[in-house]
Structures are given as structure tokens and as C-alpha cells.
Amino acid sequence: MKTPIYFAVAFFSCLFVHATTTGTLFEARAPPGAVEVLSIFNPTVVDHFYTTNASEIQQLTDFYGYESEGTSTGFIFLTEQPDTVPLFRLYSLGAADHMYTTSTQVRDHAVKRLGYFVEGILGFVYTEDGPGRLPFFGLHNPNRIDHYYTTSADQRDDAAKNGWNVEGGVGYLLSP
């Protein structure tokens, strides 16, 4: 009867080694060539923010009042892949709001008419559904001047019941 105990010790020892080398006990596995999209929120200025850069997250949480939302949004490619398009990251200093779009028309309208500027490209996403892909839903709350994004239809629907306008799908992320 010692075999199950030895197995358990070996299993948890492997987890401990994994946790001490990666900093997490369990982590989502990125598809080849993709990285995790991280999300944080600033309740003071009311801004949802998404990035693939852990250092950027650290700086915003340490110095600018952002808080981790603690969930994995999905994965995104950092370089263009077949059938992917850029996901643009925009920011309005006056509204303290980040928005994300794959549409060059929406991007250009936000810059010319709404006071946003392009911060760059978050990464590359699919525009069509497929195996292992999650829709990246975009929502906007005009009263709070905030954009919110989720891969959860339940979160999208809940937000829509609470003052958020559903703007539709921004693209498709890769599932964890």
C-alpha cells in the first residue's frame, strides 16, 4: 500500500518544482507562438486595460492604481500569422479609457473624432471562429466612459444588463 503514497509524493514534488521555477502552481499553456492576454482594472479612473506585457501590468498595479482581474482572457499572437489581423490598442487621455479594435475604420474614427491615439498593436487575432478560438466581445459604458472586453458570453450578457452597450466581437483569441 505504499505505492499510492510514493506516487502522491512524487506528483506533489513535481508540482512544487514547477511552482518554484515558474512562480505559479498551474498556468495556462500557450499555443505555439502565442502569449497570454492579461487584464487589469483601475476603479478610480474606471479603465479596463489589456496587455501581453507582465512588466507593464506590474508598473500599472504598483504605481497607477490598477488591480488584477485575476482571470485569463485567452492567448494572442505577437507576430502576424495566416488569417490574423492586428488588434489595435488605443487610449484617450481625456477619458482615461483604453479601447481595442481590429477595424482600421473604427481606429481612424476614434483618433480623428473621439480624441484617442494609437498606442500600438496588442497582437494578432483571428476574425473568424474556428477550433480552439474564443470570441473577444467588446462592450462600452457611455456613462462611465469605459470599454470592457471578455471572452465569456455570460459576462457579456451580465454587463449588457447593467448599462453596458455590446459593441460586438472584436476578434477571436486562442483558448487557454
N, C-alpha and C. Protein backbone atom coordinates (compact mmCIF):
# COMPACT_ATOMS: atom_id res chain seq x y z
N MET A 1 0.81 -1.21 0.00
CA MET A 1 0.00 0.00 0.00
C MET A 1 0.85 1.27 0.00
N LYS A 2 2.15 1.15 -0.05
CA LYS A 2 2.99 2.34 -0.08
C LYS A 2 3.03 2.98 -1.47
N THR A 3 2.69 2.25 -2.50
CA THR A 3 2.77 2.76 -3.86
C THR A 3 1.95 4.03 -4.05
N PRO A 4 0.68 4.09 -3.59
CA PRO A 4 -0.06 5.35 -3.76
C PRO A 4 0.59 6.53 -3.04
N ILE A 5 1.19 6.29 -1.89
CA ILE A 5 1.85 7.37 -1.16
C ILE A 5 3.06 7.86 -1.93
N TYR A 6 3.85 6.93 -2.47
CA TYR A 6 5.01 7.33 -3.26
C TYR A 6 4.60 8.12 -4.49
N PHE A 7 3.52 7.69 -5.11
CA PHE A 7 3.01 8.39 -6.29
C PHE A 7 2.60 9.81 -5.91
N ALA A 8 1.87 9.95 -4.80
CA ALA A 8 1.41 11.27 -4.36
C ALA A 8 2.59 12.18 -4.04
N VAL A 9 3.61 11.65 -3.34
CA VAL A 9 4.79 12.45 -3.01
C VAL A 9 5.49 12.90 -4.29
N ALA A 10 5.64 11.97 -5.23
CA ALA A 10 6.30 12.31 -6.49
C ALA A 10 5.50 13.35 -7.27
N PHE A 11 4.19 13.21 -7.30
CA PHE A 11 3.33 14.13 -8.02
C PHE A 11 3.44 15.54 -7.43
N PHE A 12 3.29 15.67 -6.11
CA PHE A 12 3.34 16.98 -5.48
C PHE A 12 4.75 17.56 -5.49
N SER A 13 5.76 16.73 -5.51
CA SER A 13 7.13 17.23 -5.65
C SER A 13 7.32 17.87 -7.01
N CYS A 14 6.77 17.24 -8.04
CA CYS A 14 6.85 17.81 -9.39
C CYS A 14 6.12 19.15 -9.45
N LEU A 15 4.96 19.22 -8.79
CA LEU A 15 4.21 20.48 -8.77
C LEU A 15 5.00 21.55 -8.05
N PHE A 16 5.66 21.20 -6.95
CA PHE A 16 6.46 22.16 -6.20
C PHE A 16 7.60 22.69 -7.07
N VAL A 17 8.28 21.81 -7.78
CA VAL A 17 9.37 22.23 -8.66
C VAL A 17 8.82 23.15 -9.74
N HIS A 18 7.68 22.79 -10.32
CA HIS A 18 7.06 23.64 -11.34
C HIS A 18 6.71 25.00 -10.75
N ALA A 19 6.14 25.01 -9.56
CA ALA A 19 5.72 26.26 -8.93
C ALA A 19 6.92 27.15 -8.60
N THR A 20 8.00 26.56 -8.16
CA THR A 20 9.15 27.37 -7.78
C THR A 20 9.93 27.86 -8.99
N THR A 21 9.84 27.17 -10.12
CA THR A 21 10.58 27.63 -11.30
C THR A 21 9.76 28.59 -12.15
N THR A 22 8.42 28.48 -12.10
CA THR A 22 7.59 29.36 -12.92
C THR A 22 6.89 30.44 -12.11
N GLY A 23 6.81 30.26 -10.80
CA GLY A 23 6.13 31.24 -9.97
C GLY A 23 4.65 30.97 -9.81
N THR A 24 4.13 29.93 -10.47
CA THR A 24 2.73 29.58 -10.33
C THR A 24 2.60 28.08 -10.19
N LEU A 25 1.55 27.66 -9.51
CA LEU A 25 1.34 26.24 -9.35
C LEU A 25 0.80 25.64 -10.64
N PHE A 26 -0.19 26.27 -11.21
CA PHE A 26 -0.73 25.85 -12.50
C PHE A 26 -0.76 27.06 -13.40
N GLU A 27 -0.47 26.89 -14.65
CA GLU A 27 -0.56 28.02 -15.57
C GLU A 27 -1.14 27.52 -16.88
N ALA A 28 -1.85 28.41 -17.55
CA ALA A 28 -2.43 28.06 -18.83
C ALA A 28 -1.30 27.84 -19.83
N ARG A 29 -1.46 26.88 -20.67
CA ARG A 29 -0.45 26.58 -21.68
C ARG A 29 -0.76 27.36 -22.96
N ALA A 30 0.21 28.13 -23.38
CA ALA A 30 0.04 28.94 -24.58
C ALA A 30 0.20 28.08 -25.82
N PRO A 31 -0.67 28.27 -26.80
CA PRO A 31 -0.45 27.62 -28.09
C PRO A 31 0.88 28.11 -28.67
N PRO A 32 1.53 27.34 -29.51
CA PRO A 32 2.82 27.76 -30.08
C PRO A 32 2.75 29.14 -30.72
N GLY A 33 3.68 30.01 -30.34
CA GLY A 33 3.74 31.35 -30.91
C GLY A 33 2.78 32.35 -30.31
N ALA A 34 2.02 31.95 -29.27
CA ALA A 34 1.04 32.86 -28.67
C ALA A 34 1.40 33.16 -27.22
N VAL A 35 0.91 34.29 -26.73
CA VAL A 35 1.12 34.69 -25.34
C VAL A 35 -0.23 35.06 -24.73
N GLU A 36 -0.26 35.04 -23.40
CA GLU A 36 -1.50 35.32 -22.69
C GLU A 36 -1.84 36.80 -22.70
N VAL A 37 -3.12 37.10 -22.86
CA VAL A 37 -3.61 38.47 -22.73
C VAL A 37 -4.00 38.66 -21.27
N LEU A 38 -3.35 39.61 -20.62
CA LEU A 38 -3.57 39.88 -19.20
C LEU A 38 -4.52 41.07 -19.06
N SER A 39 -5.37 41.04 -18.03
CA SER A 39 -6.31 42.15 -17.85
C SER A 39 -6.23 42.70 -16.43
N ILE A 40 -6.31 44.03 -16.35
CA ILE A 40 -6.35 44.74 -15.08
C ILE A 40 -7.40 45.85 -15.18
N PHE A 41 -7.76 46.40 -14.03
CA PHE A 41 -8.81 47.42 -13.97
C PHE A 41 -8.42 48.49 -12.97
N ASN A 42 -8.68 49.74 -13.31
CA ASN A 42 -8.45 50.84 -12.39
C ASN A 42 -9.81 51.38 -11.95
N PRO A 43 -10.21 51.12 -10.69
CA PRO A 43 -11.53 51.56 -10.23
C PRO A 43 -11.62 53.08 -10.03
N THR A 44 -10.50 53.75 -9.85
CA THR A 44 -10.52 55.20 -9.63
C THR A 44 -10.83 55.95 -10.92
N VAL A 45 -10.12 55.64 -11.98
CA VAL A 45 -10.37 56.31 -13.26
C VAL A 45 -11.33 55.52 -14.14
N VAL A 46 -11.70 54.33 -13.72
CA VAL A 46 -12.61 53.42 -14.41
C VAL A 46 -12.06 53.10 -15.81
N ASP A 47 -11.04 52.24 -15.82
CA ASP A 47 -10.41 51.85 -17.08
C ASP A 47 -10.03 50.37 -17.04
N HIS A 48 -10.54 49.62 -17.99
CA HIS A 48 -10.11 48.23 -18.20
C HIS A 48 -8.92 48.27 -19.15
N PHE A 49 -7.89 47.50 -18.84
CA PHE A 49 -6.66 47.52 -19.61
C PHE A 49 -6.21 46.10 -19.90
N TYR A 50 -5.77 45.86 -21.13
CA TYR A 50 -5.35 44.53 -21.58
C TYR A 50 -3.97 44.63 -22.21
N THR A 51 -3.10 43.68 -21.89
CA THR A 51 -1.74 43.69 -22.42
C THR A 51 -1.18 42.28 -22.40
N THR A 52 -0.08 42.11 -23.07
CA THR A 52 0.66 40.84 -23.03
C THR A 52 1.96 41.02 -22.26
N ASN A 53 2.19 42.21 -21.74
CA ASN A 53 3.45 42.57 -21.11
C ASN A 53 3.32 42.56 -19.58
N ALA A 54 3.92 41.58 -18.92
CA ALA A 54 3.83 41.47 -17.46
C ALA A 54 4.48 42.66 -16.77
N SER A 55 5.53 43.23 -17.34
CA SER A 55 6.18 44.41 -16.74
C SER A 55 5.25 45.61 -16.76
N GLU A 56 4.48 45.73 -17.83
CA GLU A 56 3.51 46.81 -17.93
C GLU A 56 2.43 46.65 -16.86
N ILE A 57 1.98 45.42 -16.66
CA ILE A 57 1.00 45.13 -15.61
C ILE A 57 1.57 45.52 -14.25
N GLN A 58 2.80 45.11 -13.99
CA GLN A 58 3.45 45.39 -12.71
C GLN A 58 3.54 46.90 -12.45
N GLN A 59 3.94 47.66 -13.45
CA GLN A 59 4.06 49.10 -13.29
C GLN A 59 2.70 49.74 -13.02
N LEU A 60 1.68 49.34 -13.76
CA LEU A 60 0.36 49.94 -13.59
C LEU A 60 -0.27 49.56 -12.25
N THR A 61 -0.02 48.34 -11.77
CA THR A 61 -0.56 47.96 -10.46
C THR A 61 0.23 48.59 -9.32
N ASP A 62 1.54 48.72 -9.48
CA ASP A 62 2.38 49.31 -8.42
C ASP A 62 2.20 50.82 -8.27
N PHE A 63 2.05 51.54 -9.39
CA PHE A 63 2.10 52.99 -9.33
C PHE A 63 0.84 53.73 -9.79
N TYR A 64 -0.09 53.06 -10.46
CA TYR A 64 -1.21 53.79 -11.05
C TYR A 64 -2.59 53.30 -10.62
N GLY A 65 -2.67 52.50 -9.58
CA GLY A 65 -3.97 52.12 -9.02
C GLY A 65 -4.73 51.02 -9.74
N TYR A 66 -4.10 50.35 -10.67
CA TYR A 66 -4.78 49.24 -11.34
C TYR A 66 -4.74 48.00 -10.46
N GLU A 67 -5.75 47.14 -10.64
CA GLU A 67 -5.86 45.91 -9.87
C GLU A 67 -6.04 44.74 -10.83
N SER A 68 -5.45 43.61 -10.50
CA SER A 68 -5.59 42.43 -11.32
C SER A 68 -7.03 41.96 -11.32
N GLU A 69 -7.50 41.52 -12.48
CA GLU A 69 -8.84 40.94 -12.55
C GLU A 69 -8.78 39.43 -12.34
N GLY A 70 -7.56 38.89 -12.28
CA GLY A 70 -7.35 37.51 -11.88
C GLY A 70 -7.86 36.44 -12.82
N THR A 71 -8.16 36.78 -14.04
CA THR A 71 -8.65 35.77 -14.97
C THR A 71 -7.82 35.79 -16.24
N SER A 72 -7.76 34.65 -16.88
CA SER A 72 -7.08 34.56 -18.17
C SER A 72 -8.09 34.92 -19.25
N THR A 73 -7.72 35.86 -20.07
CA THR A 73 -8.60 36.29 -21.14
C THR A 73 -8.50 35.35 -22.33
N GLY A 74 -7.30 34.86 -22.60
CA GLY A 74 -7.03 34.00 -23.74
C GLY A 74 -5.62 34.29 -24.23
N PHE A 75 -5.32 33.82 -25.42
CA PHE A 75 -3.99 33.99 -25.98
C PHE A 75 -4.06 34.71 -27.32
N ILE A 76 -2.96 35.39 -27.64
CA ILE A 76 -2.87 36.19 -28.84
C ILE A 76 -1.47 35.99 -29.44
N PHE A 77 -1.37 36.12 -30.73
CA PHE A 77 -0.07 36.03 -31.39
C PHE A 77 0.63 37.39 -31.35
N LEU A 78 1.93 37.39 -31.14
CA LEU A 78 2.70 38.64 -31.16
C LEU A 78 3.17 39.00 -32.55
N THR A 79 3.17 38.02 -33.45
CA THR A 79 3.54 38.27 -34.85
C THR A 79 2.40 37.80 -35.73
N GLU A 80 2.32 38.40 -36.89
CA GLU A 80 1.24 38.05 -37.82
C GLU A 80 1.33 36.59 -38.22
N GLN A 81 0.18 35.93 -38.22
CA GLN A 81 0.05 34.53 -38.62
C GLN A 81 -0.97 34.48 -39.76
N PRO A 82 -1.02 33.38 -40.49
CA PRO A 82 -2.03 33.28 -41.55
C PRO A 82 -3.44 33.51 -40.98
N ASP A 83 -4.22 34.29 -41.68
CA ASP A 83 -5.61 34.59 -41.34
C ASP A 83 -5.78 35.43 -40.07
N THR A 84 -4.74 36.12 -39.63
CA THR A 84 -4.87 37.01 -38.47
C THR A 84 -4.74 38.46 -38.90
N VAL A 85 -5.25 39.34 -38.04
CA VAL A 85 -5.18 40.78 -38.28
C VAL A 85 -4.70 41.46 -37.00
N PRO A 86 -4.17 42.68 -37.11
CA PRO A 86 -3.72 43.38 -35.91
C PRO A 86 -4.90 43.76 -35.01
N LEU A 87 -4.66 43.67 -33.70
CA LEU A 87 -5.60 44.18 -32.70
C LEU A 87 -4.97 45.46 -32.16
N PHE A 88 -5.55 46.60 -32.56
CA PHE A 88 -5.01 47.91 -32.21
C PHE A 88 -5.40 48.28 -30.78
N ARG A 89 -4.45 48.89 -30.06
CA ARG A 89 -4.70 49.40 -28.72
C ARG A 89 -4.70 50.91 -28.79
N LEU A 90 -5.79 51.53 -28.35
CA LEU A 90 -5.94 52.98 -28.37
C LEU A 90 -6.18 53.48 -26.95
N TYR A 91 -5.86 54.75 -26.75
CA TYR A 91 -6.06 55.35 -25.43
C TYR A 91 -6.53 56.79 -25.58
N SER A 92 -7.49 57.16 -24.74
CA SER A 92 -7.96 58.54 -24.65
C SER A 92 -7.49 59.10 -23.31
N LEU A 93 -6.60 60.06 -23.34
CA LEU A 93 -6.09 60.68 -22.13
C LEU A 93 -7.22 61.42 -21.42
N GLY A 94 -8.05 62.14 -22.17
CA GLY A 94 -9.14 62.90 -21.58
C GLY A 94 -10.18 62.03 -20.90
N ALA A 95 -10.47 60.87 -21.48
CA ALA A 95 -11.47 59.96 -20.91
C ALA A 95 -10.83 58.90 -20.03
N ALA A 96 -9.50 58.82 -20.01
CA ALA A 96 -8.78 57.76 -19.29
C ALA A 96 -9.38 56.39 -19.66
N ASP A 97 -9.40 56.13 -20.97
CA ASP A 97 -10.05 54.91 -21.47
C ASP A 97 -9.20 54.26 -22.55
N HIS A 98 -9.02 52.95 -22.40
CA HIS A 98 -8.39 52.14 -23.45
C HIS A 98 -9.47 51.46 -24.27
N MET A 99 -9.26 51.39 -25.56
CA MET A 99 -10.15 50.61 -26.42
C MET A 99 -9.31 49.80 -27.39
N TYR A 100 -9.90 48.71 -27.88
CA TYR A 100 -9.19 47.77 -28.73
C TYR A 100 -10.08 47.46 -29.93
N THR A 101 -9.48 47.41 -31.11
CA THR A 101 -10.25 47.13 -32.31
C THR A 101 -9.37 46.50 -33.38
N THR A 102 -9.99 45.72 -34.23
CA THR A 102 -9.30 45.19 -35.41
C THR A 102 -9.65 46.01 -36.64
N SER A 103 -10.61 46.91 -36.51
CA SER A 103 -11.09 47.70 -37.63
C SER A 103 -10.26 48.97 -37.80
N THR A 104 -9.69 49.14 -38.98
CA THR A 104 -8.94 50.37 -39.25
C THR A 104 -9.91 51.57 -39.31
N GLN A 105 -11.16 51.33 -39.73
CA GLN A 105 -12.15 52.41 -39.78
C GLN A 105 -12.50 52.88 -38.37
N VAL A 106 -12.73 51.93 -37.45
CA VAL A 106 -13.04 52.29 -36.06
C VAL A 106 -11.83 52.99 -35.44
N ARG A 107 -10.64 52.46 -35.69
CA ARG A 107 -9.40 53.06 -35.17
C ARG A 107 -9.28 54.51 -35.64
N ASP A 108 -9.42 54.72 -36.95
CA ASP A 108 -9.26 56.05 -37.52
C ASP A 108 -10.33 57.02 -37.01
N HIS A 109 -11.57 56.55 -36.87
CA HIS A 109 -12.66 57.38 -36.34
C HIS A 109 -12.37 57.79 -34.90
N ALA A 110 -11.90 56.83 -34.09
CA ALA A 110 -11.59 57.13 -32.68
C ALA A 110 -10.46 58.17 -32.57
N VAL A 111 -9.51 58.11 -33.47
CA VAL A 111 -8.39 59.06 -33.45
C VAL A 111 -8.87 60.43 -33.93
N LYS A 112 -9.57 60.48 -35.06
CA LYS A 112 -9.96 61.76 -35.67
C LYS A 112 -11.10 62.46 -34.93
N ARG A 113 -12.04 61.69 -34.39
CA ARG A 113 -13.26 62.28 -33.85
C ARG A 113 -13.44 62.16 -32.33
N LEU A 114 -12.78 61.18 -31.71
CA LEU A 114 -13.07 60.91 -30.30
C LEU A 114 -11.90 61.19 -29.35
N GLY A 115 -10.78 61.64 -29.89
CA GLY A 115 -9.66 62.01 -29.04
C GLY A 115 -8.74 60.89 -28.58
N TYR A 116 -8.82 59.74 -29.23
CA TYR A 116 -7.93 58.62 -28.89
C TYR A 116 -6.65 58.73 -29.70
N PHE A 117 -5.60 58.12 -29.21
CA PHE A 117 -4.39 57.96 -30.01
C PHE A 117 -4.00 56.49 -29.98
N VAL A 118 -3.33 56.05 -31.03
CA VAL A 118 -2.95 54.65 -31.17
C VAL A 118 -1.69 54.40 -30.33
N GLU A 119 -1.80 53.49 -29.37
CA GLU A 119 -0.64 53.11 -28.56
C GLU A 119 0.18 52.02 -29.23
N GLY A 120 -0.42 51.34 -30.19
CA GLY A 120 0.29 50.28 -30.90
C GLY A 120 -0.62 49.11 -31.18
N ILE A 121 0.00 47.97 -31.41
CA ILE A 121 -0.73 46.74 -31.69
C ILE A 121 -0.54 45.80 -30.51
N LEU A 122 -1.65 45.34 -29.94
CA LEU A 122 -1.59 44.39 -28.83
C LEU A 122 -1.07 43.05 -29.31
N GLY A 123 -1.47 42.67 -30.51
CA GLY A 123 -1.06 41.41 -31.10
C GLY A 123 -1.92 41.14 -32.32
N PHE A 124 -1.99 39.87 -32.70
CA PHE A 124 -2.74 39.49 -33.90
C PHE A 124 -3.78 38.45 -33.54
N VAL A 125 -5.01 38.66 -34.02
CA VAL A 125 -6.14 37.79 -33.71
C VAL A 125 -6.81 37.34 -35.00
N TYR A 126 -7.60 36.31 -34.85
CA TYR A 126 -8.42 35.84 -35.97
C TYR A 126 -9.69 36.68 -36.05
N THR A 127 -10.24 36.80 -37.25
CA THR A 127 -11.51 37.49 -37.43
C THR A 127 -12.66 36.51 -37.62
N GLU A 128 -12.33 35.23 -37.74
CA GLU A 128 -13.36 34.20 -37.91
C GLU A 128 -13.18 33.13 -36.85
N ASP A 129 -14.32 32.54 -36.46
CA ASP A 129 -14.32 31.46 -35.47
C ASP A 129 -13.66 30.22 -36.05
N GLY A 130 -13.15 29.39 -35.17
CA GLY A 130 -12.51 28.14 -35.58
C GLY A 130 -12.15 27.33 -34.35
N PRO A 131 -11.59 26.15 -34.54
CA PRO A 131 -11.23 25.30 -33.41
C PRO A 131 -10.24 25.99 -32.46
N GLY A 132 -10.53 25.92 -31.17
CA GLY A 132 -9.65 26.50 -30.17
C GLY A 132 -9.69 28.01 -30.08
N ARG A 133 -10.72 28.63 -30.63
CA ARG A 133 -10.82 30.09 -30.62
C ARG A 133 -11.98 30.55 -29.75
N LEU A 134 -11.77 31.68 -29.10
CA LEU A 134 -12.79 32.29 -28.24
C LEU A 134 -13.15 33.67 -28.77
N PRO A 135 -14.44 34.00 -28.86
CA PRO A 135 -14.79 35.35 -29.29
C PRO A 135 -14.36 36.36 -28.22
N PHE A 136 -13.82 37.47 -28.66
CA PHE A 136 -13.39 38.55 -27.79
C PHE A 136 -14.45 39.64 -27.94
N PHE A 137 -15.41 39.65 -26.99
CA PHE A 137 -16.54 40.57 -27.05
C PHE A 137 -16.14 41.95 -26.54
N GLY A 138 -16.59 42.99 -27.24
CA GLY A 138 -16.34 44.35 -26.82
C GLY A 138 -17.61 45.01 -26.31
N LEU A 139 -17.49 45.71 -25.19
CA LEU A 139 -18.61 46.44 -24.62
C LEU A 139 -18.16 47.86 -24.27
N HIS A 140 -19.11 48.78 -24.24
CA HIS A 140 -18.80 50.17 -23.90
C HIS A 140 -19.86 50.68 -22.94
N ASN A 141 -19.43 51.38 -21.90
CA ASN A 141 -20.35 52.00 -20.97
C ASN A 141 -20.22 53.51 -21.14
N PRO A 142 -21.20 54.14 -21.81
CA PRO A 142 -21.10 55.58 -22.08
C PRO A 142 -21.17 56.44 -20.82
N ASN A 143 -21.80 55.94 -19.77
CA ASN A 143 -21.89 56.71 -18.52
C ASN A 143 -20.56 56.71 -17.78
N ARG A 144 -19.81 55.64 -17.88
CA ARG A 144 -18.52 55.54 -17.18
C ARG A 144 -17.35 55.84 -18.13
N ILE A 145 -17.64 55.97 -19.40
CA ILE A 145 -16.64 56.15 -20.46
C ILE A 145 -15.55 55.09 -20.31
N ASP A 146 -15.96 53.85 -20.49
CA ASP A 146 -15.05 52.72 -20.34
C ASP A 146 -15.40 51.65 -21.36
N HIS A 147 -14.35 51.01 -21.87
CA HIS A 147 -14.51 49.84 -22.73
C HIS A 147 -14.10 48.61 -21.94
N TYR A 148 -14.84 47.54 -22.13
CA TYR A 148 -14.62 46.29 -21.41
C TYR A 148 -14.64 45.16 -22.44
N TYR A 149 -13.77 44.18 -22.26
CA TYR A 149 -13.66 43.07 -23.20
C TYR A 149 -13.65 41.77 -22.43
N THR A 150 -14.29 40.76 -22.99
CA THR A 150 -14.37 39.46 -22.34
C THR A 150 -14.53 38.37 -23.39
N THR A 151 -14.13 37.18 -23.02
CA THR A 151 -14.37 36.01 -23.88
C THR A 151 -15.55 35.20 -23.35
N SER A 152 -16.19 35.67 -22.29
CA SER A 152 -17.30 34.97 -21.66
C SER A 152 -18.64 35.57 -22.12
N ALA A 153 -19.48 34.74 -22.71
CA ALA A 153 -20.81 35.20 -23.12
C ALA A 153 -21.64 35.56 -21.88
N ASP A 154 -21.46 34.84 -20.78
CA ASP A 154 -22.18 35.15 -19.54
C ASP A 154 -21.78 36.53 -19.00
N GLN A 155 -20.47 36.84 -19.00
CA GLN A 155 -20.03 38.15 -18.54
C GLN A 155 -20.54 39.25 -19.47
N ARG A 156 -20.51 38.99 -20.77
CA ARG A 156 -21.02 39.96 -21.74
C ARG A 156 -22.49 40.25 -21.47
N ASP A 157 -23.29 39.18 -21.31
CA ASP A 157 -24.72 39.34 -21.09
C ASP A 157 -25.03 40.03 -19.76
N ASP A 158 -24.26 39.71 -18.72
CA ASP A 158 -24.44 40.35 -17.42
C ASP A 158 -24.13 41.85 -17.51
N ALA A 159 -23.04 42.18 -18.19
CA ALA A 159 -22.67 43.59 -18.35
C ALA A 159 -23.74 44.33 -19.15
N ALA A 160 -24.29 43.68 -20.17
CA ALA A 160 -25.32 44.31 -21.00
C ALA A 160 -26.58 44.63 -20.19
N LYS A 161 -26.84 43.84 -19.15
CA LYS A 161 -27.98 44.10 -18.27
C LYS A 161 -27.70 45.23 -17.29
N ASN A 162 -26.44 45.64 -17.20
CA ASN A 162 -26.04 46.63 -16.21
C ASN A 162 -25.43 47.89 -16.82
N GLY A 163 -25.98 48.33 -17.94
CA GLY A 163 -25.58 49.61 -18.50
C GLY A 163 -24.53 49.59 -19.58
N TRP A 164 -24.05 48.43 -19.94
CA TRP A 164 -23.02 48.34 -20.98
C TRP A 164 -23.67 48.08 -22.34
N ASN A 165 -23.17 48.75 -23.38
CA ASN A 165 -23.62 48.51 -24.74
C ASN A 165 -22.70 47.48 -25.37
N VAL A 166 -23.29 46.43 -25.92
CA VAL A 166 -22.49 45.40 -26.60
C VAL A 166 -22.10 45.93 -27.96
N GLU A 167 -20.80 46.00 -28.22
CA GLU A 167 -20.31 46.51 -29.49
C GLU A 167 -20.02 45.38 -30.47
N GLY A 168 -20.14 44.16 -30.01
CA GLY A 168 -19.92 43.02 -30.90
C GLY A 168 -18.56 42.39 -30.69
N GLY A 169 -18.25 41.47 -31.57
CA GLY A 169 -16.97 40.76 -31.48
C GLY A 169 -15.84 41.57 -32.07
N VAL A 170 -14.75 41.64 -31.33
CA VAL A 170 -13.57 42.36 -31.79
C VAL A 170 -12.70 41.44 -32.63
N GLY A 171 -12.73 40.16 -32.31
CA GLY A 171 -11.92 39.15 -32.98
C GLY A 171 -12.00 37.87 -32.19
N TYR A 172 -11.08 36.96 -32.47
CA TYR A 172 -11.06 35.68 -31.76
C TYR A 172 -9.67 35.44 -31.18
N LEU A 173 -9.65 35.20 -29.86
CA LEU A 173 -8.42 34.83 -29.17
C LEU A 173 -8.31 33.31 -29.17
N LEU A 174 -7.16 32.82 -28.84
CA LEU A 174 -6.96 31.38 -28.70
C LEU A 174 -7.30 30.99 -27.26
N SER A 175 -7.97 29.87 -27.10
CA SER A 175 -8.37 29.46 -25.76
C SER A 175 -7.18 28.89 -24.98
N PRO A 176 -7.23 29.07 -23.66
CA PRO A 176 -6.13 28.55 -22.81
C PRO A 176 -6.15 27.02 -22.76
